[in-house]
Amino acid sequence: MSTNEIKGKLHESIENIDDNEFLLTIKEIIEHKYQAEDSIELPEWQLKRIEESERQIENGEFYTDEQVDNVIDKWLGE
């Protein structure tokens, strides 16, 4: 059985288990093997892109959903 198949079966099984103690035990086992990182470090270029995007939003330099829909409709010839 592949890793993805095992993960799929585990997801399905966990969704159908209502035993809180059992789920807590599974959680402890998983946390022993895997610890999610509390923070993500972004490279400098990504931080600069985020800052620029925030500046553009503050200055109103963005498209609304409706404007984007209109542009797409034009591209598709609708």
C-alpha atoms as a PDB file:
ATOM      1  CA  MET A   1       0.000   0.000   0.000  1.00  0.00           C
ATOM      2  CA  SER A   2       1.419   3.407  -0.978  1.00  0.00           C
ATOM      3  CA  THR A   3       1.962   6.265   1.430  1.00  0.00           C
ATOM      4  CA  ASN A   4      -0.868   8.243  -0.164  1.00  0.00           C
ATOM      5  CA  GLU A   5      -3.251   5.281   0.144  1.00  0.00           C
ATOM      6  CA  ILE A   6      -2.359   4.885   3.820  1.00  0.00           C
ATOM      7  CA  LYS A   7      -2.909   8.619   4.429  1.00  0.00           C
ATOM      8  CA  GLY A   8      -6.282   8.441   2.686  1.00  0.00           C
ATOM      9  CA  LYS A   9      -7.405   5.501   4.800  1.00  0.00           C
ATOM     10  CA  LEU A  10      -6.224   7.221   7.983  1.00  0.00           C
ATOM     11  CA  HIS A  11      -8.084  10.420   7.097  1.00  0.00           C
ATOM     12  CA  GLU A  12     -11.248   8.447   6.430  1.00  0.00           C
ATOM     13  CA  SER A  13     -10.899   6.437   9.628  1.00  0.00           C
ATOM     14  CA  ILE A  14     -10.242   9.474  11.815  1.00  0.00           C
ATOM     15  CA  GLU A  15     -13.314  11.228  10.403  1.00  0.00           C
ATOM     16  CA  ASN A  16     -15.453   8.302  11.567  1.00  0.00           C
ATOM     17  CA  ILE A  17     -14.028   7.869  15.083  1.00  0.00           C
ATOM     18  CA  ASP A  18     -15.948   9.507  17.923  1.00  0.00           C
ATOM     19  CA  ASP A  19     -13.836   8.176  20.810  1.00  0.00           C
ATOM     20  CA  ASN A  20     -12.150  11.291  22.226  1.00  0.00           C
ATOM     21  CA  GLU A  21      -9.544   9.372  24.261  1.00  0.00           C
ATOM     22  CA  PHE A  22      -8.542   7.307  21.249  1.00  0.00           C
ATOM     23  CA  LEU A  23      -8.248  10.433  19.075  1.00  0.00           C
ATOM     24  CA  LEU A  24      -6.089  12.120  21.730  1.00  0.00           C
ATOM     25  CA  THR A  25      -3.815   9.072  21.737  1.00  0.00           C
ATOM     26  CA  ILE A  26      -3.479   9.225  17.948  1.00  0.00           C
ATOM     27  CA  LYS A  27      -2.764  12.951  18.221  1.00  0.00           C
ATOM     28  CA  GLU A  28       0.034  12.298  20.732  1.00  0.00           C
ATOM     29  CA  ILE A  29       1.577   9.650  18.478  1.00  0.00           C
ATOM     30  CA  ILE A  30       1.496  11.988  15.491  1.00  0.00           C
ATOM     31  CA  GLU A  31       2.929  14.901  17.479  1.00  0.00           C
ATOM     32  CA  HIS A  32       5.777  12.672  18.616  1.00  0.00           C
ATOM     33  CA  LYS A  33       6.744  12.088  14.975  1.00  0.00           C
ATOM     34  CA  TYR A  34       5.802  15.453  13.475  1.00  0.00           C
ATOM     35  CA  GLN A  35       5.883  18.942  14.916  1.00  0.00           C
ATOM     36  CA  ALA A  36       4.482  21.712  12.748  1.00  0.00           C
ATOM     37  CA  GLU A  37       6.627  24.803  12.710  1.00  0.00           C
ATOM     38  CA  ASP A  38       5.107  27.724  14.578  1.00  0.00           C
ATOM     39  CA  SER A  39       6.476  30.287  12.178  1.00  0.00           C
ATOM     40  CA  ILE A  40       7.431  30.282   8.553  1.00  0.00           C
ATOM     41  CA  GLU A  41      10.476  32.190   7.408  1.00  0.00           C
ATOM     42  CA  LEU A  42      10.011  33.820   4.035  1.00  0.00           C
ATOM     43  CA  PRO A  43      12.882  34.776   1.765  1.00  0.00           C
ATOM     44  CA  GLU A  44      13.656  38.480   1.437  1.00  0.00           C
ATOM     45  CA  TRP A  45      12.226  38.690  -2.100  1.00  0.00           C
ATOM     46  CA  GLN A  46       8.861  37.367  -0.888  1.00  0.00           C
ATOM     47  CA  LEU A  47       8.789  39.839   2.003  1.00  0.00           C
ATOM     48  CA  LYS A  48       9.458  42.670  -0.455  1.00  0.00           C
ATOM     49  CA  ARG A  49       6.646  41.458  -2.732  1.00  0.00           C
ATOM     50  CA  ILE A  50       4.249  41.367   0.232  1.00  0.00           C
ATOM     51  CA  GLU A  51       5.245  44.891   1.282  1.00  0.00           C
ATOM     52  CA  GLU A  52       4.749  46.155  -2.279  1.00  0.00           C
ATOM     53  CA  SER A  53       1.346  44.453  -2.492  1.00  0.00           C
ATOM     54  CA  GLU A  54       0.256  45.999   0.791  1.00  0.00           C
ATOM     55  CA  ARG A  55       1.357  49.423  -0.483  1.00  0.00           C
ATOM     56  CA  GLN A  56      -0.625  48.923  -3.688  1.00  0.00           C
ATOM     57  CA  ILE A  57      -3.728  47.960  -1.722  1.00  0.00           C
ATOM     58  CA  GLU A  58      -3.379  51.022   0.507  1.00  0.00           C
ATOM     59  CA  ASN A  59      -3.135  53.202  -2.622  1.00  0.00           C
ATOM     60  CA  GLY A  60      -6.173  51.584  -4.225  1.00  0.00           C
ATOM     61  CA  GLU A  61      -4.046  49.952  -6.927  1.00  0.00           C
ATOM     62  CA  PHE A  62      -6.049  46.766  -7.313  1.00  0.00           C
ATOM     63  CA  TYR A  63      -8.941  45.277  -9.279  1.00  0.00           C
ATOM     64  CA  THR A  64     -12.276  44.273  -7.782  1.00  0.00           C
ATOM     65  CA  ASP A  65     -13.727  40.830  -8.492  1.00  0.00           C
ATOM     66  CA  GLU A  66     -16.212  42.447 -10.844  1.00  0.00           C
ATOM     67  CA  GLN A  67     -13.441  44.224 -12.776  1.00  0.00           C
ATOM     68  CA  VAL A  68     -11.487  40.991 -13.112  1.00  0.00           C
ATOM     69  CA  ASP A  69     -14.619  39.173 -14.288  1.00  0.00           C
ATOM     70  CA  ASN A  70     -15.100  41.846 -16.967  1.00  0.00           C
ATOM     71  CA  VAL A  71     -11.495  41.510 -18.147  1.00  0.00           C
ATOM     72  CA  ILE A  72     -11.841  37.733 -18.356  1.00  0.00           C
ATOM     73  CA  ASP A  73     -15.123  38.044 -20.260  1.00  0.00           C
ATOM     74  CA  LYS A  74     -13.373  40.311 -22.781  1.00  0.00           C
ATOM     75  CA  TRP A  75     -10.492  37.843 -23.144  1.00  0.00           C
ATOM     76  CA  LEU A  76     -12.975  35.042 -23.756  1.00  0.00           C
ATOM     77  CA  GLY A  77     -14.921  37.189 -26.197  1.00  0.00           C
ATOM     78  CA  GLU A  78     -18.129  37.069 -24.213  1.00  0.00           C
END
